Amino acid sequence: MARAIAARPPRRAEVDPDVPSASVALLVRHGTGGPELLLIRRAERQGDPWSGHMALPGGRSAPGDRDEEATAARETLEEVGIDVERDGRRLGPLDVLTPLSDRAPRITVSPFVFAVPPEAEARPNAEVAQAIWVPLAELAEPGAATEYLHEMGDGTVMSFPAYGARGNVVWGLTHRILTGFLELYARVDDAEQLHEGPG
């Protein structure tokens, strides 16, 4: 997987440098049925545009973060208690994205992939309502692709591509990040390659 990521340098969206930035982490571990990815459901919070959504661990950059990857590591430790800098292996960055909808908050999101030990367990903080490990094979199945109907603030209903994940629906930016990741995962012949270095 590291080689697949390294062979495809991440694309950066054209954004205003004044737009806030955030980072997320795709944590992959070996489960009993193969590689698994950690997904979270954000806690319901008034005023949070992503309240209750399925997501990846992560959040906005802070002044003390040395770079976008450090933001992903810090937020992951805060939200789910997994220290990727100590216990994980960096596999690489994915495409930097911004929301497609003009109605969504303006933000730039940088995703990073980390392999973590099989025994890694999430310990959600108050910002996370649920944390689940989902087999990548399930997300990659054609049957996982679905659609999500979302009511906008003005009452109109829009359809978005989505993934079904253990009774949950993943859509929006997280869906776009996972789509890019699953395209790379499809090139990995052996699950063990998830832990290989880029050399």
N, C-alpha and C. Protein backbone atom coordinates (compact mmCIF):
# COMPACT_ATOMS: atom_id res chain seq x y z
N MET A 1 0.82 -1.20 0.00
CA MET A 1 0.00 0.00 0.00
C MET A 1 0.86 1.26 0.00
N ALA A 2 1.94 1.24 0.80
CA ALA A 2 2.82 2.41 0.83
C ALA A 2 3.38 2.69 -0.56
N ARG A 3 3.72 1.62 -1.29
CA ARG A 3 4.26 1.81 -2.64
C ARG A 3 3.20 2.36 -3.57
N ALA A 4 1.97 1.89 -3.44
CA ALA A 4 0.89 2.39 -4.29
C ALA A 4 0.64 3.88 -4.04
N ILE A 5 0.70 4.28 -2.77
CA ILE A 5 0.50 5.69 -2.43
C ILE A 5 1.67 6.53 -2.95
N ALA A 6 2.90 6.02 -2.76
CA ALA A 6 4.08 6.76 -3.18
C ALA A 6 4.13 6.92 -4.70
N ALA A 7 3.57 5.95 -5.42
CA ALA A 7 3.59 6.00 -6.88
C ALA A 7 2.60 7.01 -7.44
N ARG A 8 1.73 7.52 -6.58
CA ARG A 8 0.72 8.48 -7.04
C ARG A 8 0.73 9.68 -6.10
N PRO A 9 1.58 10.68 -6.38
CA PRO A 9 1.65 11.85 -5.51
C PRO A 9 0.28 12.49 -5.34
N PRO A 10 -0.05 12.94 -4.13
CA PRO A 10 -1.38 13.50 -3.89
C PRO A 10 -1.61 14.80 -4.64
N ARG A 11 -2.82 14.96 -5.13
CA ARG A 11 -3.22 16.21 -5.77
C ARG A 11 -3.73 17.17 -4.71
N ARG A 12 -3.47 18.43 -4.92
CA ARG A 12 -3.95 19.46 -4.00
C ARG A 12 -5.03 20.28 -4.69
N ALA A 13 -6.14 20.49 -3.98
CA ALA A 13 -7.20 21.33 -4.52
C ALA A 13 -6.72 22.77 -4.57
N GLU A 14 -7.22 23.52 -5.56
CA GLU A 14 -6.90 24.94 -5.65
C GLU A 14 -7.75 25.68 -4.63
N VAL A 15 -7.12 26.21 -3.60
CA VAL A 15 -7.87 26.87 -2.53
C VAL A 15 -7.22 28.18 -2.14
N ASP A 16 -8.02 29.02 -1.54
CA ASP A 16 -7.54 30.27 -0.97
C ASP A 16 -6.69 29.93 0.25
N PRO A 17 -5.48 30.46 0.37
CA PRO A 17 -4.64 30.15 1.54
C PRO A 17 -5.26 30.59 2.86
N ASP A 18 -6.25 31.47 2.79
CA ASP A 18 -6.92 31.91 4.02
C ASP A 18 -8.01 30.95 4.48
N VAL A 19 -8.31 29.94 3.65
CA VAL A 19 -9.33 28.96 4.02
C VAL A 19 -8.78 28.06 5.13
N PRO A 20 -9.56 27.78 6.19
CA PRO A 20 -9.09 26.92 7.28
C PRO A 20 -8.69 25.53 6.76
N SER A 21 -7.70 24.93 7.41
CA SER A 21 -7.25 23.60 7.01
C SER A 21 -7.51 22.58 8.11
N ALA A 22 -7.72 21.34 7.69
CA ALA A 22 -7.94 20.24 8.63
C ALA A 22 -7.24 19.00 8.06
N SER A 23 -7.05 18.02 8.91
CA SER A 23 -6.43 16.76 8.49
C SER A 23 -7.19 15.59 9.10
N VAL A 24 -7.20 14.47 8.39
CA VAL A 24 -7.83 13.25 8.91
C VAL A 24 -6.87 12.08 8.75
N ALA A 25 -7.11 11.03 9.52
CA ALA A 25 -6.26 9.84 9.48
C ALA A 25 -7.08 8.62 9.08
N LEU A 26 -6.56 7.87 8.13
CA LEU A 26 -7.12 6.57 7.78
C LEU A 26 -6.26 5.54 8.49
N LEU A 27 -6.81 4.93 9.54
CA LEU A 27 -6.07 3.95 10.33
C LEU A 27 -6.45 2.55 9.86
N VAL A 28 -5.44 1.78 9.46
CA VAL A 28 -5.67 0.43 8.95
C VAL A 28 -4.95 -0.57 9.84
N ARG A 29 -5.68 -1.59 10.27
CA ARG A 29 -5.07 -2.67 11.07
C ARG A 29 -5.46 -4.00 10.44
N HIS A 30 -4.74 -5.05 10.79
CA HIS A 30 -5.09 -6.40 10.34
C HIS A 30 -6.08 -7.00 11.32
N GLY A 31 -7.27 -7.32 10.81
CA GLY A 31 -8.29 -7.98 11.61
C GLY A 31 -8.35 -9.46 11.26
N THR A 32 -9.29 -10.16 11.87
CA THR A 32 -9.40 -11.60 11.61
C THR A 32 -9.78 -11.90 10.16
N GLY A 33 -10.48 -10.96 9.52
CA GLY A 33 -10.89 -11.17 8.14
C GLY A 33 -10.09 -10.37 7.13
N GLY A 34 -8.96 -9.82 7.55
CA GLY A 34 -8.15 -9.00 6.65
C GLY A 34 -8.05 -7.56 7.14
N PRO A 35 -7.56 -6.66 6.31
CA PRO A 35 -7.37 -5.27 6.73
C PRO A 35 -8.69 -4.59 7.10
N GLU A 36 -8.65 -3.80 8.16
CA GLU A 36 -9.82 -3.06 8.63
C GLU A 36 -9.49 -1.58 8.75
N LEU A 37 -10.50 -0.74 8.51
CA LEU A 37 -10.35 0.71 8.60
C LEU A 37 -11.20 1.24 9.74
N LEU A 38 -10.67 2.20 10.49
CA LEU A 38 -11.42 2.79 11.60
C LEU A 38 -12.27 3.95 11.10
N LEU A 39 -13.57 3.86 11.35
CA LEU A 39 -14.51 4.95 11.08
C LEU A 39 -15.12 5.40 12.40
N ILE A 40 -15.46 6.67 12.48
CA ILE A 40 -16.11 7.19 13.68
C ILE A 40 -17.41 7.88 13.31
N ARG A 41 -18.30 7.96 14.28
CA ARG A 41 -19.51 8.78 14.13
C ARG A 41 -19.38 9.94 15.10
N ARG A 42 -19.43 11.14 14.56
CA ARG A 42 -19.24 12.32 15.40
C ARG A 42 -20.43 12.52 16.33
N ALA A 43 -20.14 13.00 17.51
CA ALA A 43 -21.19 13.26 18.50
C ALA A 43 -22.10 14.37 17.99
N GLU A 44 -23.36 14.32 18.43
CA GLU A 44 -24.32 15.36 18.07
C GLU A 44 -23.98 16.63 18.84
N ARG A 45 -23.67 17.70 18.09
CA ARG A 45 -23.33 18.97 18.73
C ARG A 45 -23.97 20.11 17.96
N GLN A 46 -24.69 20.95 18.67
CA GLN A 46 -25.37 22.08 18.03
C GLN A 46 -24.35 23.01 17.39
N GLY A 47 -24.62 23.42 16.16
CA GLY A 47 -23.74 24.33 15.46
C GLY A 47 -22.63 23.66 14.69
N ASP A 48 -22.48 22.34 14.84
CA ASP A 48 -21.44 21.60 14.12
C ASP A 48 -22.03 21.09 12.80
N PRO A 49 -21.52 21.56 11.64
CA PRO A 49 -22.10 21.14 10.36
C PRO A 49 -21.93 19.65 10.09
N TRP A 50 -21.00 19.00 10.78
CA TRP A 50 -20.78 17.56 10.60
C TRP A 50 -21.28 16.75 11.80
N SER A 51 -22.14 17.34 12.58
CA SER A 51 -22.68 16.67 13.77
C SER A 51 -23.37 15.36 13.39
N GLY A 52 -22.99 14.28 14.06
CA GLY A 52 -23.63 12.99 13.84
C GLY A 52 -23.18 12.26 12.59
N HIS A 53 -22.30 12.84 11.80
CA HIS A 53 -21.86 12.21 10.55
C HIS A 53 -20.82 11.12 10.80
N MET A 54 -20.79 10.14 9.90
CA MET A 54 -19.69 9.19 9.88
C MET A 54 -18.47 9.91 9.30
N ALA A 55 -17.31 9.63 9.87
CA ALA A 55 -16.12 10.38 9.50
C ALA A 55 -14.87 9.56 9.78
N LEU A 56 -13.74 10.21 9.57
CA LEU A 56 -12.43 9.68 9.94
C LEU A 56 -11.89 10.51 11.09
N PRO A 57 -11.09 9.94 11.98
CA PRO A 57 -10.52 10.76 13.05
C PRO A 57 -9.75 11.94 12.46
N GLY A 58 -9.92 13.10 13.06
CA GLY A 58 -9.22 14.28 12.55
C GLY A 58 -9.88 15.56 12.99
N GLY A 59 -9.34 16.66 12.52
CA GLY A 59 -9.88 17.96 12.89
C GLY A 59 -9.03 19.09 12.34
N ARG A 60 -9.32 20.28 12.80
CA ARG A 60 -8.65 21.48 12.29
C ARG A 60 -7.23 21.63 12.81
N SER A 61 -6.43 22.29 12.00
CA SER A 61 -5.04 22.56 12.37
C SER A 61 -4.99 23.50 13.56
N ALA A 62 -3.97 23.32 14.39
CA ALA A 62 -3.74 24.18 15.55
C ALA A 62 -2.38 24.86 15.38
N PRO A 63 -2.19 26.02 16.01
CA PRO A 63 -0.94 26.76 15.85
C PRO A 63 0.32 25.95 16.16
N GLY A 64 0.25 25.00 17.08
CA GLY A 64 1.44 24.23 17.45
C GLY A 64 1.75 23.07 16.54
N ASP A 65 0.89 22.76 15.57
CA ASP A 65 1.13 21.63 14.67
C ASP A 65 2.24 21.98 13.68
N ARG A 66 3.21 21.08 13.52
CA ARG A 66 4.33 21.38 12.61
C ARG A 66 3.91 21.30 11.14
N ASP A 67 2.90 20.47 10.85
CA ASP A 67 2.40 20.34 9.48
C ASP A 67 1.05 19.62 9.51
N GLU A 68 0.50 19.36 8.32
CA GLU A 68 -0.82 18.73 8.24
C GLU A 68 -0.81 17.31 8.82
N GLU A 69 0.28 16.58 8.62
CA GLU A 69 0.35 15.23 9.17
C GLU A 69 0.34 15.25 10.69
N ALA A 70 1.01 16.23 11.28
CA ALA A 70 1.02 16.36 12.73
C ALA A 70 -0.38 16.66 13.25
N THR A 71 -1.15 17.41 12.48
CA THR A 71 -2.54 17.68 12.86
C THR A 71 -3.33 16.38 12.91
N ALA A 72 -3.18 15.55 11.87
CA ALA A 72 -3.89 14.27 11.84
C ALA A 72 -3.50 13.40 13.02
N ALA A 73 -2.21 13.35 13.36
CA ALA A 73 -1.74 12.54 14.48
C ALA A 73 -2.29 13.05 15.80
N ARG A 74 -2.24 14.36 16.00
CA ARG A 74 -2.72 14.94 17.26
C ARG A 74 -4.22 14.71 17.44
N GLU A 75 -4.99 14.98 16.39
CA GLU A 75 -6.44 14.81 16.48
C GLU A 75 -6.82 13.35 16.69
N THR A 76 -6.09 12.45 16.06
CA THR A 76 -6.38 11.02 16.23
C THR A 76 -6.14 10.59 17.67
N LEU A 77 -5.06 11.05 18.26
CA LEU A 77 -4.78 10.72 19.66
C LEU A 77 -5.85 11.30 20.57
N GLU A 78 -6.28 12.53 20.29
CA GLU A 78 -7.29 13.16 21.13
C GLU A 78 -8.64 12.47 21.00
N GLU A 79 -9.03 12.13 19.77
CA GLU A 79 -10.39 11.63 19.53
C GLU A 79 -10.56 10.15 19.82
N VAL A 80 -9.56 9.33 19.48
CA VAL A 80 -9.73 7.88 19.65
C VAL A 80 -8.62 7.22 20.44
N GLY A 81 -7.67 8.01 20.96
CA GLY A 81 -6.65 7.46 21.85
C GLY A 81 -5.60 6.59 21.20
N ILE A 82 -5.44 6.68 19.88
CA ILE A 82 -4.42 5.89 19.18
C ILE A 82 -3.28 6.83 18.79
N ASP A 83 -2.07 6.50 19.24
CA ASP A 83 -0.90 7.33 18.98
C ASP A 83 -0.17 6.82 17.74
N VAL A 84 -0.47 7.41 16.59
CA VAL A 84 0.12 6.91 15.34
C VAL A 84 1.60 7.26 15.24
N GLU A 85 2.03 8.32 15.90
CA GLU A 85 3.45 8.67 15.85
C GLU A 85 4.30 7.67 16.64
N ARG A 86 3.72 7.09 17.68
CA ARG A 86 4.44 6.12 18.50
C ARG A 86 4.22 4.69 18.02
N ASP A 87 2.97 4.36 17.71
CA ASP A 87 2.62 2.96 17.44
C ASP A 87 2.30 2.66 15.98
N GLY A 88 2.13 3.69 15.17
CA GLY A 88 1.73 3.46 13.78
C GLY A 88 2.88 3.53 12.80
N ARG A 89 2.56 3.22 11.56
CA ARG A 89 3.52 3.33 10.46
C ARG A 89 2.88 4.19 9.38
N ARG A 90 3.55 5.27 9.02
CA ARG A 90 3.03 6.18 8.01
C ARG A 90 3.11 5.51 6.65
N LEU A 91 1.96 5.44 5.96
CA LEU A 91 1.93 4.88 4.61
C LEU A 91 1.89 5.97 3.55
N GLY A 92 1.45 7.17 3.93
CA GLY A 92 1.49 8.28 2.98
C GLY A 92 0.23 9.11 2.94
N PRO A 93 0.29 10.23 2.21
CA PRO A 93 -0.86 11.13 2.08
C PRO A 93 -1.73 10.78 0.88
N LEU A 94 -2.98 11.20 0.94
CA LEU A 94 -3.91 11.07 -0.19
C LEU A 94 -4.21 12.47 -0.73
N ASP A 95 -5.08 12.54 -1.73
CA ASP A 95 -5.42 13.83 -2.32
C ASP A 95 -6.01 14.79 -1.29
N VAL A 96 -5.60 16.05 -1.39
CA VAL A 96 -6.15 17.10 -0.53
C VAL A 96 -7.45 17.59 -1.16
N LEU A 97 -8.52 17.62 -0.37
CA LEU A 97 -9.85 17.91 -0.90
C LEU A 97 -10.50 19.11 -0.23
N THR A 98 -11.48 19.66 -0.93
CA THR A 98 -12.36 20.69 -0.38
C THR A 98 -13.80 20.27 -0.67
N PRO A 99 -14.78 20.73 0.11
CA PRO A 99 -16.18 20.37 -0.16
C PRO A 99 -16.60 20.82 -1.56
N LEU A 100 -17.41 20.01 -2.23
CA LEU A 100 -17.90 20.36 -3.56
C LEU A 100 -19.07 21.33 -3.49
N SER A 101 -19.84 21.26 -2.43
CA SER A 101 -21.04 22.10 -2.30
C SER A 101 -20.69 23.50 -1.79
N ASP A 102 -21.29 24.50 -2.42
CA ASP A 102 -21.11 25.88 -1.96
C ASP A 102 -21.76 26.10 -0.60
N ARG A 103 -22.64 25.18 -0.22
CA ARG A 103 -23.35 25.33 1.05
C ARG A 103 -22.57 24.78 2.23
N ALA A 104 -21.53 24.02 1.95
CA ALA A 104 -20.70 23.45 3.02
C ALA A 104 -19.68 24.48 3.48
N PRO A 105 -19.21 24.37 4.72
CA PRO A 105 -18.17 25.29 5.21
C PRO A 105 -16.92 25.19 4.34
N ARG A 106 -16.26 26.32 4.13
CA ARG A 106 -15.02 26.33 3.35
C ARG A 106 -13.90 25.76 4.21
N ILE A 107 -13.26 24.70 3.72
CA ILE A 107 -12.19 24.06 4.47
C ILE A 107 -11.36 23.20 3.51
N THR A 108 -10.10 23.02 3.82
CA THR A 108 -9.22 22.14 3.06
C THR A 108 -8.88 20.94 3.94
N VAL A 109 -9.06 19.73 3.41
CA VAL A 109 -8.85 18.52 4.21
C VAL A 109 -7.71 17.68 3.62
N SER A 110 -6.70 17.40 4.46
CA SER A 110 -5.55 16.59 4.06
C SER A 110 -5.63 15.22 4.72
N PRO A 111 -5.81 14.13 3.96
CA PRO A 111 -5.88 12.79 4.54
C PRO A 111 -4.50 12.11 4.56
N PHE A 112 -4.25 11.33 5.61
CA PHE A 112 -3.01 10.57 5.73
C PHE A 112 -3.36 9.14 6.15
N VAL A 113 -2.64 8.17 5.57
CA VAL A 113 -2.88 6.76 5.85
C VAL A 113 -1.80 6.23 6.79
N PHE A 114 -2.24 5.51 7.83
CA PHE A 114 -1.31 4.91 8.79
C PHE A 114 -1.70 3.45 9.00
N ALA A 115 -0.71 2.57 9.06
CA ALA A 115 -0.93 1.20 9.50
C ALA A 115 -0.71 1.16 11.01
N VAL A 116 -1.63 0.54 11.72
CA VAL A 116 -1.52 0.43 13.18
C VAL A 116 -1.55 -1.05 13.57
N PRO A 117 -1.06 -1.39 14.77
CA PRO A 117 -0.99 -2.80 15.17
C PRO A 117 -2.37 -3.46 15.22
N PRO A 118 -2.42 -4.78 15.02
CA PRO A 118 -3.70 -5.49 15.07
C PRO A 118 -4.44 -5.30 16.38
N GLU A 119 -3.70 -5.08 17.47
CA GLU A 119 -4.35 -4.92 18.78
C GLU A 119 -4.82 -3.50 19.05
N ALA A 120 -4.62 -2.59 18.10
CA ALA A 120 -5.04 -1.20 18.31
C ALA A 120 -6.54 -1.13 18.54
N GLU A 121 -6.94 -0.42 19.58
CA GLU A 121 -8.36 -0.24 19.90
C GLU A 121 -8.65 1.24 20.10
N ALA A 122 -9.81 1.66 19.63
CA ALA A 122 -10.21 3.05 19.78
C ALA A 122 -10.81 3.29 21.16
N ARG A 123 -10.43 4.42 21.75
CA ARG A 123 -11.01 4.86 23.02
C ARG A 123 -11.59 6.26 22.78
N PRO A 124 -12.83 6.32 22.29
CA PRO A 124 -13.40 7.59 21.87
C PRO A 124 -13.52 8.61 23.01
N ASN A 125 -13.28 9.88 22.67
CA ASN A 125 -13.52 10.95 23.64
C ASN A 125 -14.93 11.49 23.45
N ALA A 126 -15.25 12.60 24.09
CA ALA A 126 -16.61 13.13 24.06
C ALA A 126 -17.04 13.61 22.68
N GLU A 127 -16.09 13.85 21.78
CA GLU A 127 -16.42 14.33 20.44
C GLU A 127 -16.87 13.20 19.52
N VAL A 128 -16.68 11.95 19.98
CA VAL A 128 -16.97 10.78 19.14
C VAL A 128 -18.04 9.93 19.79
N ALA A 129 -19.14 9.71 19.06
CA ALA A 129 -20.24 8.91 19.59
C ALA A 129 -20.02 7.42 19.39
N GLN A 130 -19.28 7.06 18.35
CA GLN A 130 -19.08 5.64 18.02
C GLN A 130 -17.80 5.49 17.22
N ALA A 131 -17.10 4.39 17.42
CA ALA A 131 -15.91 4.06 16.62
C ALA A 131 -16.02 2.60 16.21
N ILE A 132 -15.90 2.33 14.91
CA ILE A 132 -16.04 0.96 14.42
C ILE A 132 -14.92 0.63 13.43
N TRP A 133 -14.46 -0.61 13.49
CA TRP A 133 -13.49 -1.10 12.51
C TRP A 133 -14.26 -1.82 11.42
N VAL A 134 -14.09 -1.39 10.18
CA VAL A 134 -14.83 -1.95 9.05
C VAL A 134 -13.84 -2.63 8.10
N PRO A 135 -14.06 -3.91 7.77
CA PRO A 135 -13.17 -4.59 6.82
C PRO A 135 -13.14 -3.85 5.48
N LEU A 136 -11.95 -3.64 4.95
CA LEU A 136 -11.85 -2.98 3.65
C LEU A 136 -12.55 -3.78 2.56
N ALA A 137 -12.55 -5.10 2.69
CA ALA A 137 -13.22 -5.94 1.69
C ALA A 137 -14.71 -5.62 1.62
N GLU A 138 -15.31 -5.28 2.77
CA GLU A 138 -16.74 -4.92 2.77
C GLU A 138 -16.97 -3.61 2.05
N LEU A 139 -16.13 -2.62 2.31
CA LEU A 139 -16.28 -1.33 1.65
C LEU A 139 -16.03 -1.43 0.15
N ALA A 140 -15.16 -2.35 -0.24
CA ALA A 140 -14.81 -2.50 -1.66
C ALA A 140 -15.86 -3.28 -2.45
N GLU A 141 -16.77 -3.96 -1.77
CA GLU A 141 -17.81 -4.72 -2.47
C GLU A 141 -18.74 -3.78 -3.22
N PRO A 142 -19.18 -4.16 -4.42
CA PRO A 142 -20.12 -3.32 -5.17
C PRO A 142 -21.39 -3.01 -4.38
N GLY A 143 -21.81 -3.95 -3.55
CA GLY A 143 -23.03 -3.75 -2.77
C GLY A 143 -22.91 -2.69 -1.70
N ALA A 144 -21.68 -2.27 -1.38
CA ALA A 144 -21.50 -1.23 -0.36
C ALA A 144 -21.84 0.15 -0.90
N ALA A 145 -21.82 0.31 -2.22
CA ALA A 145 -22.13 1.61 -2.82
C ALA A 145 -23.63 1.86 -2.74
N THR A 146 -23.99 3.03 -2.26
CA THR A 146 -25.39 3.38 -2.12
C THR A 146 -25.53 4.89 -2.34
N GLU A 147 -26.66 5.45 -1.94
CA GLU A 147 -26.83 6.90 -2.02
C GLU A 147 -27.43 7.40 -0.72
N TYR A 148 -27.19 8.66 -0.46
CA TYR A 148 -27.69 9.28 0.77
C TYR A 148 -28.50 10.51 0.39
N LEU A 149 -29.72 10.59 0.89
CA LEU A 149 -30.58 11.74 0.65
C LEU A 149 -30.46 12.69 1.82
N HIS A 150 -29.98 13.89 1.54
CA HIS A 150 -29.71 14.87 2.59
C HIS A 150 -30.58 16.10 2.40
N GLU A 151 -31.28 16.50 3.47
CA GLU A 151 -32.09 17.71 3.41
C GLU A 151 -31.22 18.92 3.72
N MET A 152 -31.16 19.85 2.77
CA MET A 152 -30.35 21.04 2.93
C MET A 152 -31.07 22.05 3.83
N GLY A 153 -30.37 23.11 4.17
CA GLY A 153 -30.93 24.10 5.07
C GLY A 153 -32.17 24.78 4.55
N ASP A 154 -32.30 24.86 3.21
CA ASP A 154 -33.48 25.51 2.62
C ASP A 154 -34.62 24.54 2.37
N GLY A 155 -34.45 23.29 2.82
CA GLY A 155 -35.52 22.31 2.68
C GLY A 155 -35.41 21.43 1.45
N THR A 156 -34.54 21.77 0.51
CA THR A 156 -34.37 20.93 -0.67
C THR A 156 -33.62 19.64 -0.28
N VAL A 157 -33.93 18.57 -1.00
CA VAL A 157 -33.30 17.28 -0.73
C VAL A 157 -32.37 16.93 -1.89
N MET A 158 -31.12 16.61 -1.55
CA MET A 158 -30.13 16.27 -2.57
C MET A 158 -29.63 14.84 -2.35
N SER A 159 -29.28 14.19 -3.45
CA SER A 159 -28.76 12.82 -3.38
C SER A 159 -27.24 12.85 -3.52
N PHE A 160 -26.56 12.10 -2.63
CA PHE A 160 -25.10 12.03 -2.65
C PHE A 160 -24.65 10.57 -2.71
N PRO A 161 -23.57 10.27 -3.44
CA PRO A 161 -23.04 8.90 -3.40
C PRO A 161 -22.55 8.58 -2.00
N ALA A 162 -22.66 7.32 -1.62
CA ALA A 162 -22.33 6.94 -0.24
C ALA A 162 -21.89 5.48 -0.19
N TYR A 163 -21.36 5.10 0.98
CA TYR A 163 -21.05 3.70 1.28
C TYR A 163 -21.87 3.27 2.48
N GLY A 164 -22.36 2.04 2.45
CA GLY A 164 -22.95 1.46 3.63
C GLY A 164 -21.86 0.77 4.43
N ALA A 165 -21.82 1.04 5.74
CA ALA A 165 -20.75 0.49 6.58
C ALA A 165 -21.32 0.04 7.91
N ARG A 166 -21.62 -1.24 8.03
CA ARG A 166 -22.10 -1.81 9.29
C ARG A 166 -23.32 -1.06 9.82
N GLY A 167 -24.28 -0.80 8.94
CA GLY A 167 -25.50 -0.12 9.35
C GLY A 167 -25.40 1.39 9.34
N ASN A 168 -24.26 1.92 8.97
CA ASN A 168 -24.05 3.37 8.90
C ASN A 168 -23.89 3.79 7.45
N VAL A 169 -24.07 5.09 7.20
CA VAL A 169 -23.92 5.63 5.85
C VAL A 169 -22.78 6.65 5.85
N VAL A 170 -21.83 6.44 4.95
CA VAL A 170 -20.67 7.33 4.82
C VAL A 170 -20.84 8.13 3.53
N TRP A 171 -20.87 9.46 3.65
CA TRP A 171 -21.08 10.28 2.46
C TRP A 171 -20.23 11.55 2.56
N GLY A 172 -20.37 12.43 1.56
CA GLY A 172 -19.67 13.71 1.60
C GLY A 172 -18.16 13.56 1.40
N LEU A 173 -17.42 14.43 2.09
CA LEU A 173 -15.96 14.41 1.97
C LEU A 173 -15.36 13.06 2.35
N THR A 174 -15.91 12.44 3.40
CA THR A 174 -15.38 11.14 3.83
C THR A 174 -15.56 10.10 2.74
N HIS A 175 -16.70 10.13 2.05
CA HIS A 175 -16.92 9.21 0.93
C HIS A 175 -15.89 9.44 -0.16
N ARG A 176 -15.59 10.68 -0.47
CA ARG A 176 -14.61 10.99 -1.52
C ARG A 176 -13.21 10.51 -1.12
N ILE A 177 -12.86 10.70 0.15
CA ILE A 177 -11.55 10.24 0.62
C ILE A 177 -11.46 8.71 0.53
N LEU A 178 -12.52 8.03 0.97
CA LEU A 178 -12.51 6.57 0.93
C LEU A 178 -12.46 6.04 -0.50
N THR A 179 -13.14 6.72 -1.41
CA THR A 179 -13.13 6.29 -2.81
C THR A 179 -11.71 6.30 -3.36
N GLY A 180 -10.97 7.38 -3.10
CA GLY A 180 -9.59 7.44 -3.55
C GLY A 180 -8.72 6.38 -2.90
N PHE A 181 -8.96 6.15 -1.61
CA PHE A 181 -8.18 5.15 -0.88
C PHE A 181 -8.47 3.74 -1.40
N LEU A 182 -9.75 3.44 -1.64
CA LEU A 182 -10.11 2.11 -2.11
C LEU A 182 -9.57 1.84 -3.52
N GLU A 183 -9.42 2.89 -4.33
CA GLU A 183 -8.81 2.71 -5.65
C GLU A 183 -7.36 2.26 -5.49
N LEU A 184 -6.66 2.83 -4.52
CA LEU A 184 -5.28 2.40 -4.26
C LEU A 184 -5.24 1.00 -3.65
N TYR A 185 -6.17 0.73 -2.74
CA TYR A 185 -6.22 -0.58 -2.08
C TYR A 185 -6.44 -1.69 -3.10
N ALA A 186 -7.20 -1.39 -4.15
CA ALA A 186 -7.47 -2.40 -5.18
C ALA A 186 -6.20 -2.84 -5.90
N ARG A 187 -5.14 -2.03 -5.83
CA ARG A 187 -3.88 -2.37 -6.49
C ARG A 187 -2.98 -3.23 -5.61
N VAL A 188 -3.35 -3.40 -4.35
CA VAL A 188 -2.53 -4.17 -3.42
C VAL A 188 -2.91 -5.64 -3.54
N ASP A 189 -1.97 -6.46 -3.97
CA ASP A 189 -2.25 -7.89 -4.17
C ASP A 189 -2.30 -8.66 -2.87
N ASP A 190 -1.48 -8.25 -1.92
CA ASP A 190 -1.34 -8.98 -0.67
C ASP A 190 -1.57 -8.01 0.47
N ALA A 191 -2.45 -8.39 1.41
CA ALA A 191 -2.76 -7.50 2.53
C ALA A 191 -1.51 -7.14 3.33
N GLU A 192 -0.49 -8.02 3.30
CA GLU A 192 0.73 -7.72 4.05
C GLU A 192 1.42 -6.47 3.52
N GLN A 193 1.15 -6.12 2.27
CA GLN A 193 1.78 -4.95 1.69
C GLN A 193 1.34 -3.66 2.39
N LEU A 194 0.29 -3.73 3.16
CA LEU A 194 -0.14 -2.55 3.91
C LEU A 194 0.96 -2.08 4.84
N HIS A 195 1.82 -2.97 5.27
CA HIS A 195 2.86 -2.62 6.23
C HIS A 195 4.24 -2.46 5.60
N GLU A 196 4.31 -2.54 4.28
CA GLU A 196 5.60 -2.38 3.64
C GLU A 196 5.98 -0.91 3.54
N GLY A 197 7.25 -0.65 3.53
CA GLY A 197 7.73 0.70 3.32
C GLY A 197 7.66 1.06 1.85
N PRO A 198 7.86 2.36 1.51
CA PRO A 198 7.74 2.80 0.13
C PRO A 198 8.89 2.38 -0.75
N GLY A 199 10.00 1.88 -0.15
CA GLY A 199 11.17 1.52 -0.96
C GLY A 199 10.91 0.33 -1.83
